[in-house]
Amino acid sequence: MVEENLIGPCGLYCGWCPFYVVGSKEFTCKGCWAREKCEIRDCAKSKGLKLCTFCQDFPCLKLYGMYGQMDKFFDDMKKAFPKGIKKN
């Protein structure tokens, strides 16, 4: 089941991310809507949107920038969880 509050405005689902599911010693995430700062979330929120998809500027440079760095995000996940995570 997908929890709507775990869908970020950018379209990513926080519920699949190991930093959300179990966290690491260095970083634990409570999801986009609970983070202190998120440029994309803050932009969507300022426009009264829950998903960037509905923005007249979609896709914008903020999204291109974020998705352009996904390889680094996946590399960080692989370093933090080299053997994956165990299901409880």
PDB file of N, CA and C in Angstrom:
ATOM      1  N   MET A   1       0.835  -1.176   0.000  1.00  0.00           N
ATOM      2  CA  MET A   1       0.000   0.000   0.000  1.00  0.00           C
ATOM      3  C   MET A   1       0.888   1.251   0.000  1.00  0.00           C
ATOM      4  N   VAL A   2       0.555   2.200  -0.845  1.00  0.00           N
ATOM      5  CA  VAL A   2       1.309   3.444  -0.951  1.00  0.00           C
ATOM      6  C   VAL A   2       0.697   4.474  -0.008  1.00  0.00           C
ATOM      7  N   GLU A   3       1.533   5.036   0.832  1.00  0.00           N
ATOM      8  CA  GLU A   3       1.087   6.104   1.731  1.00  0.00           C
ATOM      9  C   GLU A   3       1.285   7.436   1.024  1.00  0.00           C
ATOM     10  N   GLU A   4       0.205   8.151   0.821  1.00  0.00           N
ATOM     11  CA  GLU A   4       0.237   9.400   0.056  1.00  0.00           C
ATOM     12  C   GLU A   4       1.207  10.419   0.638  1.00  0.00           C
ATOM     13  N   ASN A   5       1.319  10.477   1.971  1.00  0.00           N
ATOM     14  CA  ASN A   5       2.215  11.462   2.591  1.00  0.00           C
ATOM     15  C   ASN A   5       3.690  11.128   2.358  1.00  0.00           C
ATOM     16  N   LEU A   6       3.971   9.964   1.778  1.00  0.00           N
ATOM     17  CA  LEU A   6       5.359   9.592   1.473  1.00  0.00           C
ATOM     18  C   LEU A   6       5.710   9.817   0.000  1.00  0.00           C
ATOM     19  N   ILE A   7       4.785  10.407  -0.755  1.00  0.00           N
ATOM     20  CA  ILE A   7       5.080  10.756  -2.144  1.00  0.00           C
ATOM     21  C   ILE A   7       5.552  12.201  -2.156  1.00  0.00           C
ATOM     22  N   GLY A   8       6.790  12.399  -2.559  1.00  0.00           N
ATOM     23  CA  GLY A   8       7.326  13.754  -2.635  1.00  0.00           C
ATOM     24  C   GLY A   8       6.774  14.470  -3.848  1.00  0.00           C
ATOM     25  N   PRO A   9       6.765  15.804  -3.841  1.00  0.00           N
ATOM     26  CA  PRO A   9       6.282  16.566  -4.985  1.00  0.00           C
ATOM     27  C   PRO A   9       7.038  16.217  -6.272  1.00  0.00           C
ATOM     28  N   CYS A  10       8.283  15.788  -6.116  1.00  0.00           N
ATOM     29  CA  CYS A  10       9.116  15.431  -7.263  1.00  0.00           C
ATOM     30  C   CYS A  10       8.693  14.103  -7.884  1.00  0.00           C
ATOM     31  N   GLY A  11       7.868  13.341  -7.175  1.00  0.00           N
ATOM     32  CA  GLY A  11       7.399  12.057  -7.692  1.00  0.00           C
ATOM     33  C   GLY A  11       8.060  10.853  -7.057  1.00  0.00           C
ATOM     34  N   LEU A  12       9.121  11.063  -6.291  1.00  0.00           N
ATOM     35  CA  LEU A  12       9.765   9.935  -5.623  1.00  0.00           C
ATOM     36  C   LEU A  12       8.903   9.441  -4.464  1.00  0.00           C
ATOM     37  N   TYR A  13       8.947   8.141  -4.229  1.00  0.00           N
ATOM     38  CA  TYR A  13       8.208   7.547  -3.120  1.00  0.00           C
ATOM     39  C   TYR A  13       9.183   7.249  -1.989  1.00  0.00           C
ATOM     40  N   CYS A  14       9.091   8.010  -0.911  1.00  0.00           N
ATOM     41  CA  CYS A  14      10.006   7.870   0.225  1.00  0.00           C
ATOM     42  C   CYS A  14       9.909   6.489   0.886  1.00  0.00           C
ATOM     43  N   GLY A  15       8.772   5.841   0.766  1.00  0.00           N
ATOM     44  CA  GLY A  15       8.565   4.552   1.414  1.00  0.00           C
ATOM     45  C   GLY A  15       9.461   3.438   0.920  1.00  0.00           C
ATOM     46  N   TRP A  16      10.095   3.593  -0.236  1.00  0.00           N
ATOM     47  CA  TRP A  16      11.010   2.560  -0.739  1.00  0.00           C
ATOM     48  C   TRP A  16      12.462   2.844  -0.364  1.00  0.00           C
ATOM     49  N   CYS A  17      12.751   4.033   0.114  1.00  0.00           N
ATOM     50  CA  CYS A  17      14.138   4.451   0.357  1.00  0.00           C
ATOM     51  C   CYS A  17      14.673   3.893   1.676  1.00  0.00           C
ATOM     52  N   PRO A  18      15.846   3.249   1.637  1.00  0.00           N
ATOM     53  CA  PRO A  18      16.413   2.708   2.878  1.00  0.00           C
ATOM     54  C   PRO A  18      16.721   3.775   3.929  1.00  0.00           C
ATOM     55  N   PHE A  19      16.994   5.006   3.510  1.00  0.00           N
ATOM     56  CA  PHE A  19      17.233   6.071   4.485  1.00  0.00           C
ATOM     57  C   PHE A  19      15.952   6.382   5.260  1.00  0.00           C
ATOM     58  N   TYR A  20      14.805   6.150   4.640  1.00  0.00           N
ATOM     59  CA  TYR A  20      13.524   6.307   5.333  1.00  0.00           C
ATOM     60  C   TYR A  20      13.173   5.039   6.113  1.00  0.00           C
ATOM     61  N   VAL A  21      13.327   3.893   5.475  1.00  0.00           N
ATOM     62  CA  VAL A  21      12.895   2.624   6.067  1.00  0.00           C
ATOM     63  C   VAL A  21      13.666   2.299   7.343  1.00  0.00           C
ATOM     64  N   VAL A  22      15.007   2.357   7.293  1.00  0.00           N
ATOM     65  CA  VAL A  22      15.811   2.011   8.470  1.00  0.00           C
ATOM     66  C   VAL A  22      16.802   3.090   8.889  1.00  0.00           C
ATOM     67  N   GLY A  23      17.137   4.014   8.008  1.00  0.00           N
ATOM     68  CA  GLY A  23      18.123   5.042   8.330  1.00  0.00           C
ATOM     69  C   GLY A  23      19.520   4.470   8.425  1.00  0.00           C
ATOM     70  N   SER A  24      20.477   5.343   8.606  1.00  0.00           N
ATOM     71  CA  SER A  24      21.870   4.921   8.789  1.00  0.00           C
ATOM     72  C   SER A  24      22.446   5.713   9.954  1.00  0.00           C
ATOM     73  N   LYS A  25      23.675   5.396  10.333  1.00  0.00           N
ATOM     74  CA  LYS A  25      24.321   6.133  11.420  1.00  0.00           C
ATOM     75  C   LYS A  25      24.453   7.613  11.066  1.00  0.00           C
ATOM     76  N   GLU A  26      24.711   7.894   9.784  1.00  0.00           N
ATOM     77  CA  GLU A  26      24.953   9.255   9.341  1.00  0.00           C
ATOM     78  C   GLU A  26      23.679  10.031   9.020  1.00  0.00           C
ATOM     79  N   PHE A  27      22.630   9.323   8.584  1.00  0.00           N
ATOM     80  CA  PHE A  27      21.461  10.048   8.086  1.00  0.00           C
ATOM     81  C   PHE A  27      20.199   9.202   8.192  1.00  0.00           C
ATOM     82  N   THR A  28      19.159   9.795   8.720  1.00  0.00           N
ATOM     83  CA  THR A  28      17.836   9.188   8.742  1.00  0.00           C
ATOM     84  C   THR A  28      16.863  10.219   8.193  1.00  0.00           C
ATOM     85  N   CYS A  29      16.016   9.793   7.278  1.00  0.00           N
ATOM     86  CA  CYS A  29      15.057  10.704   6.652  1.00  0.00           C
ATOM     87  C   CYS A  29      13.648  10.317   7.078  1.00  0.00           C
ATOM     88  N   LYS A  30      12.841  11.299   7.362  1.00  0.00           N
ATOM     89  CA  LYS A  30      11.448  11.057   7.751  1.00  0.00           C
ATOM     90  C   LYS A  30      10.494  11.365   6.599  1.00  0.00           C
ATOM     91  N   GLY A  31      11.037  11.521   5.407  1.00  0.00           N
ATOM     92  CA  GLY A  31      10.227  11.813   4.224  1.00  0.00           C
ATOM     93  C   GLY A  31      10.263  13.281   3.865  1.00  0.00           C
ATOM     94  N   CYS A  32       9.997  13.544   2.620  1.00  0.00           N
ATOM     95  CA  CYS A  32      10.088  14.898   2.081  1.00  0.00           C
ATOM     96  C   CYS A  32       9.251  15.905   2.847  1.00  0.00           C
ATOM     97  N   TRP A  33       8.021  15.550   3.159  1.00  0.00           N
ATOM     98  CA  TRP A  33       7.118  16.510   3.796  1.00  0.00           C
ATOM     99  C   TRP A  33       7.528  16.809   5.233  1.00  0.00           C
ATOM    100  N   ALA A  34       8.374  15.962   5.842  1.00  0.00           N
ATOM    101  CA  ALA A  34       8.814  16.175   7.223  1.00  0.00           C
ATOM    102  C   ALA A  34      10.203  16.805   7.311  1.00  0.00           C
ATOM    103  N   ARG A  35      10.914  16.886   6.193  1.00  0.00           N
ATOM    104  CA  ARG A  35      12.268  17.450   6.204  1.00  0.00           C
ATOM    105  C   ARG A  35      12.239  18.932   6.512  1.00  0.00           C
ATOM    106  N   GLU A  36      13.338  19.405   7.093  1.00  0.00           N
ATOM    107  CA  GLU A  36      13.436  20.822   7.433  1.00  0.00           C
ATOM    108  C   GLU A  36      13.438  21.688   6.186  1.00  0.00           C
ATOM    109  N   LYS A  37      14.216  21.280   5.184  1.00  0.00           N
ATOM    110  CA  LYS A  37      14.321  22.065   3.960  1.00  0.00           C
ATOM    111  C   LYS A  37      14.390  21.148   2.755  1.00  0.00           C
ATOM    112  N   CYS A  38      13.623  21.489   1.745  1.00  0.00           N
ATOM    113  CA  CYS A  38      13.671  20.793   0.460  1.00  0.00           C
ATOM    114  C   CYS A  38      13.245  21.815  -0.590  1.00  0.00           C
ATOM    115  N   GLU A  39      14.138  22.177  -1.455  1.00  0.00           N
ATOM    116  CA  GLU A  39      13.877  23.229  -2.440  1.00  0.00           C
ATOM    117  C   GLU A  39      12.665  22.900  -3.318  1.00  0.00           C
ATOM    118  N   ILE A  40      12.563  21.656  -3.736  1.00  0.00           N
ATOM    119  CA  ILE A  40      11.462  21.264  -4.612  1.00  0.00           C
ATOM    120  C   ILE A  40      10.144  21.243  -3.844  1.00  0.00           C
ATOM    121  N   ARG A  41      10.147  20.652  -2.665  1.00  0.00           N
ATOM    122  CA  ARG A  41       8.930  20.626  -1.850  1.00  0.00           C
ATOM    123  C   ARG A  41       8.479  22.035  -1.497  1.00  0.00           C
ATOM    124  N   ASP A  42       9.438  22.884  -1.099  1.00  0.00           N
ATOM    125  CA  ASP A  42       9.106  24.256  -0.724  1.00  0.00           C
ATOM    126  C   ASP A  42       8.505  25.030  -1.900  1.00  0.00           C
ATOM    127  N   CYS A  43       9.022  24.790  -3.098  1.00  0.00           N
ATOM    128  CA  CYS A  43       8.498  25.438  -4.300  1.00  0.00           C
ATOM    129  C   CYS A  43       7.063  24.980  -4.558  1.00  0.00           C
ATOM    130  N   ALA A  44       6.841  23.670  -4.540  1.00  0.00           N
ATOM    131  CA  ALA A  44       5.494  23.130  -4.781  1.00  0.00           C
ATOM    132  C   ALA A  44       4.517  23.651  -3.726  1.00  0.00           C
ATOM    133  N   LYS A  45       4.947  23.625  -2.486  1.00  0.00           N
ATOM    134  CA  LYS A  45       4.093  24.079  -1.382  1.00  0.00           C
ATOM    135  C   LYS A  45       3.711  25.552  -1.565  1.00  0.00           C
ATOM    136  N   SER A  46       4.673  26.373  -1.995  1.00  0.00           N
ATOM    137  CA  SER A  46       4.407  27.803  -2.189  1.00  0.00           C
ATOM    138  C   SER A  46       3.381  28.046  -3.297  1.00  0.00           C
ATOM    139  N   LYS A  47       3.230  27.054  -4.188  1.00  0.00           N
ATOM    140  CA  LYS A  47       2.257  27.156  -5.290  1.00  0.00           C
ATOM    141  C   LYS A  47       0.969  26.399  -4.970  1.00  0.00           C
ATOM    142  N   GLY A  48       0.887  25.858  -3.753  1.00  0.00           N
ATOM    143  CA  GLY A  48      -0.308  25.130  -3.347  1.00  0.00           C
ATOM    144  C   GLY A  48      -0.433  23.759  -4.004  1.00  0.00           C
ATOM    145  N   LEU A  49       0.710  23.164  -4.383  1.00  0.00           N
ATOM    146  CA  LEU A  49       0.708  21.880  -5.085  1.00  0.00           C
ATOM    147  C   LEU A  49       1.279  20.764  -4.222  1.00  0.00           C
ATOM    148  N   LYS A  50       0.773  19.561  -4.403  1.00  0.00           N
ATOM    149  CA  LYS A  50       1.349  18.388  -3.749  1.00  0.00           C
ATOM    150  C   LYS A  50       2.264  17.630  -4.703  1.00  0.00           C
ATOM    151  N   LEU A  51       2.068  17.818  -6.005  1.00  0.00           N
ATOM    152  CA  LEU A  51       2.901  17.174  -7.021  1.00  0.00           C
ATOM    153  C   LEU A  51       3.330  18.198  -8.063  1.00  0.00           C
ATOM    154  N   CYS A  52       4.586  18.172  -8.406  1.00  0.00           N
ATOM    155  CA  CYS A  52       5.120  19.086  -9.424  1.00  0.00           C
ATOM    156  C   CYS A  52       4.453  18.870 -10.782  1.00  0.00           C
ATOM    157  N   THR A  53       3.944  17.685 -11.001  1.00  0.00           N
ATOM    158  CA  THR A  53       3.301  17.343 -12.265  1.00  0.00           C
ATOM    159  C   THR A  53       2.243  18.372 -12.659  1.00  0.00           C
ATOM    160  N   PHE A  54       1.588  18.979 -11.677  1.00  0.00           N
ATOM    161  CA  PHE A  54       0.505  19.913 -11.943  1.00  0.00           C
ATOM    162  C   PHE A  54       0.967  21.361 -12.080  1.00  0.00           C
ATOM    163  N   CYS A  55       2.263  21.585 -12.010  1.00  0.00           N
ATOM    164  CA  CYS A  55       2.816  22.936 -12.125  1.00  0.00           C
ATOM    165  C   CYS A  55       2.925  23.331 -13.600  1.00  0.00           C
ATOM    166  N   GLN A  56       2.638  24.588 -13.899  1.00  0.00           N
ATOM    167  CA  GLN A  56       2.741  25.057 -15.281  1.00  0.00           C
ATOM    168  C   GLN A  56       4.189  25.060 -15.776  1.00  0.00           C
ATOM    169  N   ASP A  57       5.156  25.014 -14.863  1.00  0.00           N
ATOM    170  CA  ASP A  57       6.573  25.002 -15.245  1.00  0.00           C
ATOM    171  C   ASP A  57       7.164  23.594 -15.315  1.00  0.00           C
ATOM    172  N   PHE A  58       6.345  22.574 -15.118  1.00  0.00           N
ATOM    173  CA  PHE A  58       6.807  21.177 -15.127  1.00  0.00           C
ATOM    174  C   PHE A  58       7.222  20.753 -16.525  1.00  0.00           C
ATOM    175  N   PRO A  59       8.365  20.071 -16.636  1.00  0.00           N
ATOM    176  CA  PRO A  59       9.421  19.883 -15.637  1.00  0.00           C
ATOM    177  C   PRO A  59      10.323  21.107 -15.602  1.00  0.00           C
ATOM    178  N   CYS A  60      10.739  21.475 -14.419  1.00  0.00           N
ATOM    179  CA  CYS A  60      11.553  22.682 -14.248  1.00  0.00           C
ATOM    180  C   CYS A  60      13.028  22.328 -14.038  1.00  0.00           C
ATOM    181  N   LEU A  61      13.841  23.354 -13.955  1.00  0.00           N
ATOM    182  CA  LEU A  61      15.279  23.150 -13.761  1.00  0.00           C
ATOM    183  C   LEU A  61      15.588  22.491 -12.416  1.00  0.00           C
ATOM    184  N   LYS A  62      14.771  22.757 -11.389  1.00  0.00           N
ATOM    185  CA  LYS A  62      14.984  22.115 -10.088  1.00  0.00           C
ATOM    186  C   LYS A  62      14.855  20.593 -10.229  1.00  0.00           C
ATOM    187  N   LEU A  63      13.833  20.156 -10.951  1.00  0.00           N
ATOM    188  CA  LEU A  63      13.641  18.710 -11.155  1.00  0.00           C
ATOM    189  C   LEU A  63      14.747  18.115 -12.016  1.00  0.00           C
ATOM    190  N   TYR A  64      15.116  18.799 -13.087  1.00  0.00           N
ATOM    191  CA  TYR A  64      16.219  18.316 -13.921  1.00  0.00           C
ATOM    192  C   TYR A  64      17.489  18.172 -13.085  1.00  0.00           C
ATOM    193  N   GLY A  65      17.732  19.153 -12.208  1.00  0.00           N
ATOM    194  CA  GLY A  65      18.920  19.099 -11.346  1.00  0.00           C
ATOM    195  C   GLY A  65      18.876  17.922 -10.393  1.00  0.00           C
ATOM    196  N   MET A  66      17.721  17.702  -9.761  1.00  0.00           N
ATOM    197  CA  MET A  66      17.589  16.607  -8.798  1.00  0.00           C
ATOM    198  C   MET A  66      17.739  15.254  -9.498  1.00  0.00           C
ATOM    199  N   TYR A  67      16.978  15.062 -10.574  1.00  0.00           N
ATOM    200  CA  TYR A  67      17.036  13.771 -11.264  1.00  0.00           C
ATOM    201  C   TYR A  67      18.388  13.552 -11.942  1.00  0.00           C
ATOM    202  N   GLY A  68      19.082  14.644 -12.268  1.00  0.00           N
ATOM    203  CA  GLY A  68      20.421  14.537 -12.851  1.00  0.00           C
ATOM    204  C   GLY A  68      21.463  14.054 -11.849  1.00  0.00           C
ATOM    205  N   GLN A  69      21.117  14.065 -10.554  1.00  0.00           N
ATOM    206  CA  GLN A  69      22.036  13.615  -9.508  1.00  0.00           C
ATOM    207  C   GLN A  69      21.626  12.278  -8.902  1.00  0.00           C
ATOM    208  N   MET A  70      20.692  11.584  -9.525  1.00  0.00           N
ATOM    209  CA  MET A  70      20.218  10.317  -8.967  1.00  0.00           C
ATOM    210  C   MET A  70      21.320   9.268  -8.887  1.00  0.00           C
ATOM    211  N   ASP A  71      22.281   9.306  -9.807  1.00  0.00           N
ATOM    212  CA  ASP A  71      23.377   8.336  -9.734  1.00  0.00           C
ATOM    213  C   ASP A  71      24.158   8.508  -8.435  1.00  0.00           C
ATOM    214  N   LYS A  72      24.379   9.750  -8.002  1.00  0.00           N
ATOM    215  CA  LYS A  72      25.065  10.002  -6.731  1.00  0.00           C
ATOM    216  C   LYS A  72      24.216   9.509  -5.555  1.00  0.00           C
ATOM    217  N   PHE A  73      22.909   9.732  -5.629  1.00  0.00           N
ATOM    218  CA  PHE A  73      21.992   9.273  -4.594  1.00  0.00           C
ATOM    219  C   PHE A  73      22.052   7.744  -4.462  1.00  0.00           C
ATOM    220  N   PHE A  74      22.012   7.058  -5.586  1.00  0.00           N
ATOM    221  CA  PHE A  74      22.098   5.592  -5.557  1.00  0.00           C
ATOM    222  C   PHE A  74      23.463   5.112  -5.069  1.00  0.00           C
ATOM    223  N   ASP A  75      24.534   5.815  -5.445  1.00  0.00           N
ATOM    224  CA  ASP A  75      25.868   5.475  -4.944  1.00  0.00           C
ATOM    225  C   ASP A  75      25.928   5.636  -3.423  1.00  0.00           C
ATOM    226  N   ASP A  76      25.334   6.720  -2.905  1.00  0.00           N
ATOM    227  CA  ASP A  76      25.291   6.946  -1.454  1.00  0.00           C
ATOM    228  C   ASP A  76      24.518   5.833  -0.755  1.00  0.00           C
ATOM    229  N   MET A  77      23.416   5.403  -1.366  1.00  0.00           N
ATOM    230  CA  MET A  77      22.638   4.298  -0.788  1.00  0.00           C
ATOM    231  C   MET A  77      23.456   3.015  -0.768  1.00  0.00           C
ATOM    232  N   LYS A  78      24.149   2.750  -1.855  1.00  0.00           N
ATOM    233  CA  LYS A  78      24.952   1.524  -1.955  1.00  0.00           C
ATOM    234  C   LYS A  78      26.069   1.530  -0.903  1.00  0.00           C
ATOM    235  N   LYS A  79      26.679   2.677  -0.660  1.00  0.00           N
ATOM    236  CA  LYS A  79      27.724   2.779   0.364  1.00  0.00           C
ATOM    237  C   LYS A  79      27.152   2.583   1.763  1.00  0.00           C
ATOM    238  N   ALA A  80      26.007   3.198   2.021  1.00  0.00           N
ATOM    239  CA  ALA A  80      25.398   3.114   3.352  1.00  0.00           C
ATOM    240  C   ALA A  80      24.791   1.737   3.622  1.00  0.00           C
ATOM    241  N   PHE A  81      24.336   1.067   2.573  1.00  0.00           N
ATOM    242  CA  PHE A  81      23.667  -0.238   2.716  1.00  0.00           C
ATOM    243  C   PHE A  81      24.242  -1.232   1.713  1.00  0.00           C
ATOM    244  N   PRO A  82      25.520  -1.607   1.857  1.00  0.00           N
ATOM    245  CA  PRO A  82      26.176  -2.468   0.855  1.00  0.00           C
ATOM    246  C   PRO A  82      25.519  -3.844   0.707  1.00  0.00           C
ATOM    247  N   LYS A  83      24.831  -4.288   1.718  1.00  0.00           N
ATOM    248  CA  LYS A  83      24.163  -5.609   1.651  1.00  0.00           C
ATOM    249  C   LYS A  83      22.647  -5.443   1.598  1.00  0.00           C
ATOM    250  N   GLY A  84      22.182  -4.243   1.296  1.00  0.00           N
ATOM    251  CA  GLY A  84      20.745  -3.979   1.285  1.00  0.00           C
ATOM    252  C   GLY A  84      20.236  -3.841   2.710  1.00  0.00           C
ATOM    253  N   ILE A  85      18.947  -3.947   2.876  1.00  0.00           N
ATOM    254  CA  ILE A  85      18.352  -3.890   4.222  1.00  0.00           C
ATOM    255  C   ILE A  85      17.530  -5.142   4.441  1.00  0.00           C
ATOM    256  N   LYS A  86      17.376  -5.494   5.698  1.00  0.00           N
ATOM    257  CA  LYS A  86      16.594  -6.682   6.035  1.00  0.00           C
ATOM    258  C   LYS A  86      15.160  -6.274   6.313  1.00  0.00           C
ATOM    259  N   LYS A  87      14.235  -7.047   5.782  1.00  0.00           N
ATOM    260  CA  LYS A  87      12.818  -6.809   6.029  1.00  0.00           C
ATOM    261  C   LYS A  87      12.471  -7.298   7.418  1.00  0.00           C
ATOM    262  N   ASN A  88      11.778  -6.464   8.191  1.00  0.00           N
ATOM    263  CA  ASN A  88      11.373  -6.848   9.549  1.00  0.00           C
ATOM    264  C   ASN A  88      10.243  -7.836   9.528  1.00  0.00           C
TER     265      ASN A  88
END
